[in-house]
């Protein structure tokens, strides 16, 4: 039992802030599509970390509602808010 607790403490110590970020609250905000190349779009929320959307059907300038965790490179979810072509 002591070894299990010690192992958990060591893992948490090694992970440090990444473990904290894993359980951090998700943020949702509206951001424009900044770049599109082939089937990939890039958005950049307020934390200034660019995030890539694969198989992207959006256009540059479209406004997406994106949900992400701070300092994590992936988006949890995204959806079209306003199209730049309408």
N, C-alpha and C. Protein backbone atom coordinates (compact mmCIF):
# COMPACT_ATOMS: atom_id res chain seq x y z
N UNK A 1 0.83 -1.19 0.00
CA UNK A 1 0.00 0.00 0.00
C UNK A 1 0.87 1.25 0.00
N UNK A 2 1.92 1.25 0.79
CA UNK A 2 2.82 2.41 0.85
C UNK A 2 3.49 2.63 -0.50
N UNK A 3 3.84 1.53 -1.18
CA UNK A 3 4.49 1.65 -2.48
C UNK A 3 3.54 2.25 -3.53
N UNK A 4 2.27 1.92 -3.44
CA UNK A 4 1.29 2.48 -4.38
C UNK A 4 1.16 3.97 -4.17
N UNK A 5 1.02 4.39 -2.93
CA UNK A 5 0.91 5.82 -2.61
C UNK A 5 2.19 6.55 -3.04
N UNK A 6 3.35 5.97 -2.75
CA UNK A 6 4.62 6.58 -3.13
C UNK A 6 4.73 6.69 -4.65
N UNK A 7 4.27 5.66 -5.35
CA UNK A 7 4.30 5.69 -6.81
C UNK A 7 3.43 6.80 -7.37
N UNK A 8 2.25 6.97 -6.80
CA UNK A 8 1.35 8.04 -7.24
C UNK A 8 1.97 9.40 -6.97
N UNK A 9 2.56 9.57 -5.82
CA UNK A 9 3.20 10.85 -5.47
C UNK A 9 4.35 11.15 -6.43
N UNK A 10 5.14 10.16 -6.77
CA UNK A 10 6.26 10.35 -7.69
C UNK A 10 5.75 10.73 -9.09
N UNK A 11 4.71 10.06 -9.55
CA UNK A 11 4.16 10.37 -10.87
C UNK A 11 3.63 11.80 -10.92
N UNK A 12 2.90 12.19 -9.88
CA UNK A 12 2.37 13.56 -9.83
C UNK A 12 3.52 14.56 -9.79
N UNK A 13 4.56 14.27 -9.04
CA UNK A 13 5.71 15.17 -8.96
C UNK A 13 6.41 15.29 -10.31
N UNK A 14 6.53 14.18 -11.02
CA UNK A 14 7.19 14.21 -12.34
C UNK A 14 6.35 14.96 -13.37
N UNK A 15 5.05 14.78 -13.32
CA UNK A 15 4.18 15.46 -14.27
C UNK A 15 4.07 16.96 -13.97
N UNK A 16 4.12 17.31 -12.72
CA UNK A 16 4.09 18.71 -12.32
C UNK A 16 2.89 19.45 -12.87
N UNK A 17 3.17 20.53 -13.58
CA UNK A 17 2.09 21.38 -14.07
C UNK A 17 1.26 20.71 -15.16
N UNK A 18 1.81 19.73 -15.86
CA UNK A 18 1.01 19.07 -16.89
C UNK A 18 -0.16 18.31 -16.28
N UNK A 19 0.01 17.78 -15.07
CA UNK A 19 -1.11 17.12 -14.39
C UNK A 19 -2.15 18.17 -14.00
N UNK A 20 -1.70 19.32 -13.58
CA UNK A 20 -2.62 20.41 -13.23
C UNK A 20 -3.41 20.84 -14.45
N UNK A 21 -2.74 20.98 -15.59
CA UNK A 21 -3.42 21.39 -16.83
C UNK A 21 -4.41 20.34 -17.32
N UNK A 22 -4.12 19.08 -17.02
CA UNK A 22 -5.00 18.00 -17.44
C UNK A 22 -6.38 18.16 -16.81
N UNK A 23 -6.42 18.66 -15.59
CA UNK A 23 -7.68 18.82 -14.87
C UNK A 23 -8.17 20.26 -14.86
N UNK A 24 -7.54 21.14 -15.64
CA UNK A 24 -7.95 22.54 -15.66
C UNK A 24 -9.28 22.69 -16.40
N UNK A 25 -9.94 23.78 -16.15
CA UNK A 25 -11.25 24.05 -16.74
C UNK A 25 -11.11 24.41 -18.21
N UNK A 26 -12.03 23.92 -19.01
CA UNK A 26 -12.03 24.22 -20.44
C UNK A 26 -12.53 25.64 -20.68
N UNK A 27 -12.02 26.27 -21.73
CA UNK A 27 -12.40 27.63 -22.11
C UNK A 27 -13.08 27.55 -23.47
N UNK A 28 -14.17 28.29 -23.62
CA UNK A 28 -14.85 28.38 -24.92
C UNK A 28 -14.84 29.84 -25.36
N UNK A 29 -14.43 30.08 -26.59
CA UNK A 29 -14.43 31.44 -27.13
C UNK A 29 -14.62 31.40 -28.64
N UNK A 30 -14.98 32.54 -29.20
CA UNK A 30 -15.16 32.66 -30.65
C UNK A 30 -13.89 33.20 -31.27
N UNK A 31 -13.39 32.50 -32.29
CA UNK A 31 -12.15 32.90 -32.96
C UNK A 31 -12.30 32.73 -34.47
N UNK A 32 -11.57 33.56 -35.25
CA UNK A 32 -11.62 33.39 -36.70
C UNK A 32 -10.64 32.31 -37.18
N UNK A 33 -10.96 31.72 -38.32
CA UNK A 33 -10.00 30.83 -38.98
C UNK A 33 -8.92 31.74 -39.57
N UNK A 34 -7.66 31.56 -39.15
CA UNK A 34 -6.58 32.43 -39.60
C UNK A 34 -5.94 31.94 -40.90
N UNK A 35 -5.75 30.64 -41.00
CA UNK A 35 -5.09 30.05 -42.17
C UNK A 35 -5.82 28.80 -42.60
N UNK A 36 -5.72 28.51 -43.89
CA UNK A 36 -6.23 27.24 -44.40
C UNK A 36 -5.28 26.74 -45.47
N UNK A 37 -4.83 25.50 -45.31
CA UNK A 37 -3.95 24.88 -46.31
C UNK A 37 -4.42 23.45 -46.48
N UNK A 38 -4.70 23.10 -47.71
CA UNK A 38 -5.28 21.79 -48.02
C UNK A 38 -6.55 21.61 -47.21
N UNK A 39 -6.62 20.60 -46.38
CA UNK A 39 -7.82 20.36 -45.56
C UNK A 39 -7.58 20.69 -44.09
N UNK A 40 -6.64 21.56 -43.80
CA UNK A 40 -6.36 21.92 -42.42
C UNK A 40 -6.54 23.41 -42.20
N UNK A 41 -7.24 23.76 -41.12
CA UNK A 41 -7.44 25.16 -40.73
C UNK A 41 -6.67 25.41 -39.44
N UNK A 42 -6.26 26.66 -39.26
CA UNK A 42 -5.57 27.06 -38.03
C UNK A 42 -6.36 28.18 -37.37
N UNK A 43 -6.63 28.01 -36.08
CA UNK A 43 -7.25 29.05 -35.26
C UNK A 43 -6.28 29.37 -34.13
N UNK A 44 -6.38 30.59 -33.61
CA UNK A 44 -5.48 30.99 -32.51
C UNK A 44 -6.30 31.70 -31.43
N UNK A 45 -6.70 30.95 -30.40
CA UNK A 45 -7.45 31.56 -29.30
C UNK A 45 -6.61 32.55 -28.51
N UNK A 46 -7.20 33.11 -27.46
CA UNK A 46 -6.54 34.18 -26.69
C UNK A 46 -5.29 33.73 -25.95
N UNK A 47 -5.07 32.42 -25.80
CA UNK A 47 -3.83 31.97 -25.14
C UNK A 47 -2.65 31.94 -26.10
N UNK A 48 -2.88 32.37 -27.35
CA UNK A 48 -1.84 32.50 -28.39
C UNK A 48 -1.20 31.19 -28.80
N UNK A 49 -1.87 30.08 -28.58
CA UNK A 49 -1.37 28.78 -29.04
C UNK A 49 -2.19 28.38 -30.27
N UNK A 50 -1.56 28.35 -31.46
CA UNK A 50 -2.30 27.97 -32.67
C UNK A 50 -2.77 26.51 -32.57
N UNK A 51 -3.97 26.27 -33.01
CA UNK A 51 -4.52 24.92 -32.99
C UNK A 51 -5.02 24.57 -34.39
N UNK A 52 -4.76 23.32 -34.79
CA UNK A 52 -5.07 22.86 -36.14
C UNK A 52 -6.35 22.04 -36.12
N UNK A 53 -7.21 22.29 -37.11
CA UNK A 53 -8.42 21.50 -37.31
C UNK A 53 -8.22 20.71 -38.60
N UNK A 54 -8.18 19.39 -38.50
CA UNK A 54 -8.01 18.53 -39.67
C UNK A 54 -9.35 18.33 -40.37
N UNK A 55 -9.30 17.99 -41.64
CA UNK A 55 -10.52 17.79 -42.44
C UNK A 55 -11.45 18.98 -42.30
N UNK A 56 -10.89 20.16 -42.43
CA UNK A 56 -11.61 21.41 -42.19
C UNK A 56 -12.39 21.84 -43.43
N UNK A 57 -13.67 22.11 -43.24
CA UNK A 57 -14.51 22.58 -44.35
C UNK A 57 -14.78 24.08 -44.25
N UNK A 58 -14.12 24.76 -43.32
CA UNK A 58 -14.34 26.19 -43.11
C UNK A 58 -13.42 27.02 -44.01
N UNK A 59 -13.71 28.32 -44.10
CA UNK A 59 -12.90 29.24 -44.89
C UNK A 59 -12.19 30.21 -43.98
N UNK A 60 -11.10 30.82 -44.50
CA UNK A 60 -10.39 31.86 -43.74
C UNK A 60 -11.39 32.98 -43.45
N UNK A 61 -11.43 33.41 -42.19
CA UNK A 61 -12.34 34.46 -41.78
C UNK A 61 -13.61 33.96 -41.11
N UNK A 62 -13.95 32.67 -41.32
CA UNK A 62 -15.12 32.12 -40.62
C UNK A 62 -14.88 32.19 -39.12
N UNK A 63 -15.93 32.48 -38.37
CA UNK A 63 -15.83 32.55 -36.91
C UNK A 63 -16.29 31.21 -36.34
N UNK A 64 -15.42 30.59 -35.55
CA UNK A 64 -15.74 29.32 -34.91
C UNK A 64 -15.83 29.50 -33.41
N UNK A 65 -16.71 28.77 -32.79
CA UNK A 65 -16.75 28.67 -31.33
C UNK A 65 -15.89 27.46 -30.98
N UNK A 66 -14.77 27.69 -30.28
CA UNK A 66 -13.83 26.62 -29.96
C UNK A 66 -13.75 26.42 -28.45
N UNK A 67 -13.57 25.18 -28.04
CA UNK A 67 -13.39 24.84 -26.63
C UNK A 67 -12.06 24.12 -26.49
N UNK A 68 -11.25 24.58 -25.54
CA UNK A 68 -9.90 24.03 -25.35
C UNK A 68 -9.49 24.19 -23.89
N UNK A 69 -8.41 23.51 -23.53
CA UNK A 69 -7.82 23.69 -22.20
C UNK A 69 -6.54 24.50 -22.38
N UNK A 70 -6.31 25.46 -21.48
CA UNK A 70 -5.11 26.30 -21.61
C UNK A 70 -3.84 25.46 -21.69
N UNK A 71 -2.92 25.88 -22.52
CA UNK A 71 -1.61 25.27 -22.78
C UNK A 71 -1.68 23.89 -23.42
N UNK A 72 -2.88 23.38 -23.73
CA UNK A 72 -3.00 22.11 -24.43
C UNK A 72 -3.12 22.39 -25.93
N UNK A 73 -2.44 21.62 -26.77
CA UNK A 73 -2.41 21.94 -28.21
C UNK A 73 -3.64 21.50 -29.00
N UNK A 74 -4.56 20.81 -28.37
CA UNK A 74 -5.72 20.31 -29.12
C UNK A 74 -7.01 21.04 -28.72
N UNK A 75 -7.97 21.00 -29.62
CA UNK A 75 -9.29 21.54 -29.34
C UNK A 75 -10.18 20.41 -28.84
N UNK A 76 -10.98 20.68 -27.84
CA UNK A 76 -11.94 19.68 -27.37
C UNK A 76 -13.12 19.60 -28.31
N UNK A 77 -13.59 20.78 -28.77
CA UNK A 77 -14.67 20.81 -29.76
C UNK A 77 -14.67 22.16 -30.45
N UNK A 78 -15.35 22.19 -31.61
CA UNK A 78 -15.45 23.43 -32.38
C UNK A 78 -16.70 23.36 -33.25
N UNK A 79 -17.26 24.54 -33.54
CA UNK A 79 -18.41 24.60 -34.43
C UNK A 79 -18.46 25.97 -35.08
N UNK A 80 -19.05 26.04 -36.25
CA UNK A 80 -19.18 27.28 -36.99
C UNK A 80 -20.15 28.21 -36.29
N UNK A 81 -19.71 29.43 -36.05
CA UNK A 81 -20.54 30.46 -35.43
C UNK A 81 -21.09 31.39 -36.52
N UNK A 82 -20.20 31.93 -37.35
CA UNK A 82 -20.56 32.82 -38.46
C UNK A 82 -19.66 32.54 -39.64
N UNK A 83 -20.25 32.42 -40.82
CA UNK A 83 -19.48 32.20 -42.04
C UNK A 83 -19.09 33.54 -42.64
N UNK A 84 -17.86 33.63 -43.13
CA UNK A 84 -17.38 34.88 -43.75
C UNK A 84 -18.01 35.09 -45.11
N UNK A 85 -18.61 34.07 -45.70
CA UNK A 85 -19.19 34.19 -47.04
C UNK A 85 -20.67 34.56 -47.02
N UNK A 86 -21.25 34.71 -45.83
CA UNK A 86 -22.68 35.04 -45.80
C UNK A 86 -22.93 36.49 -45.54
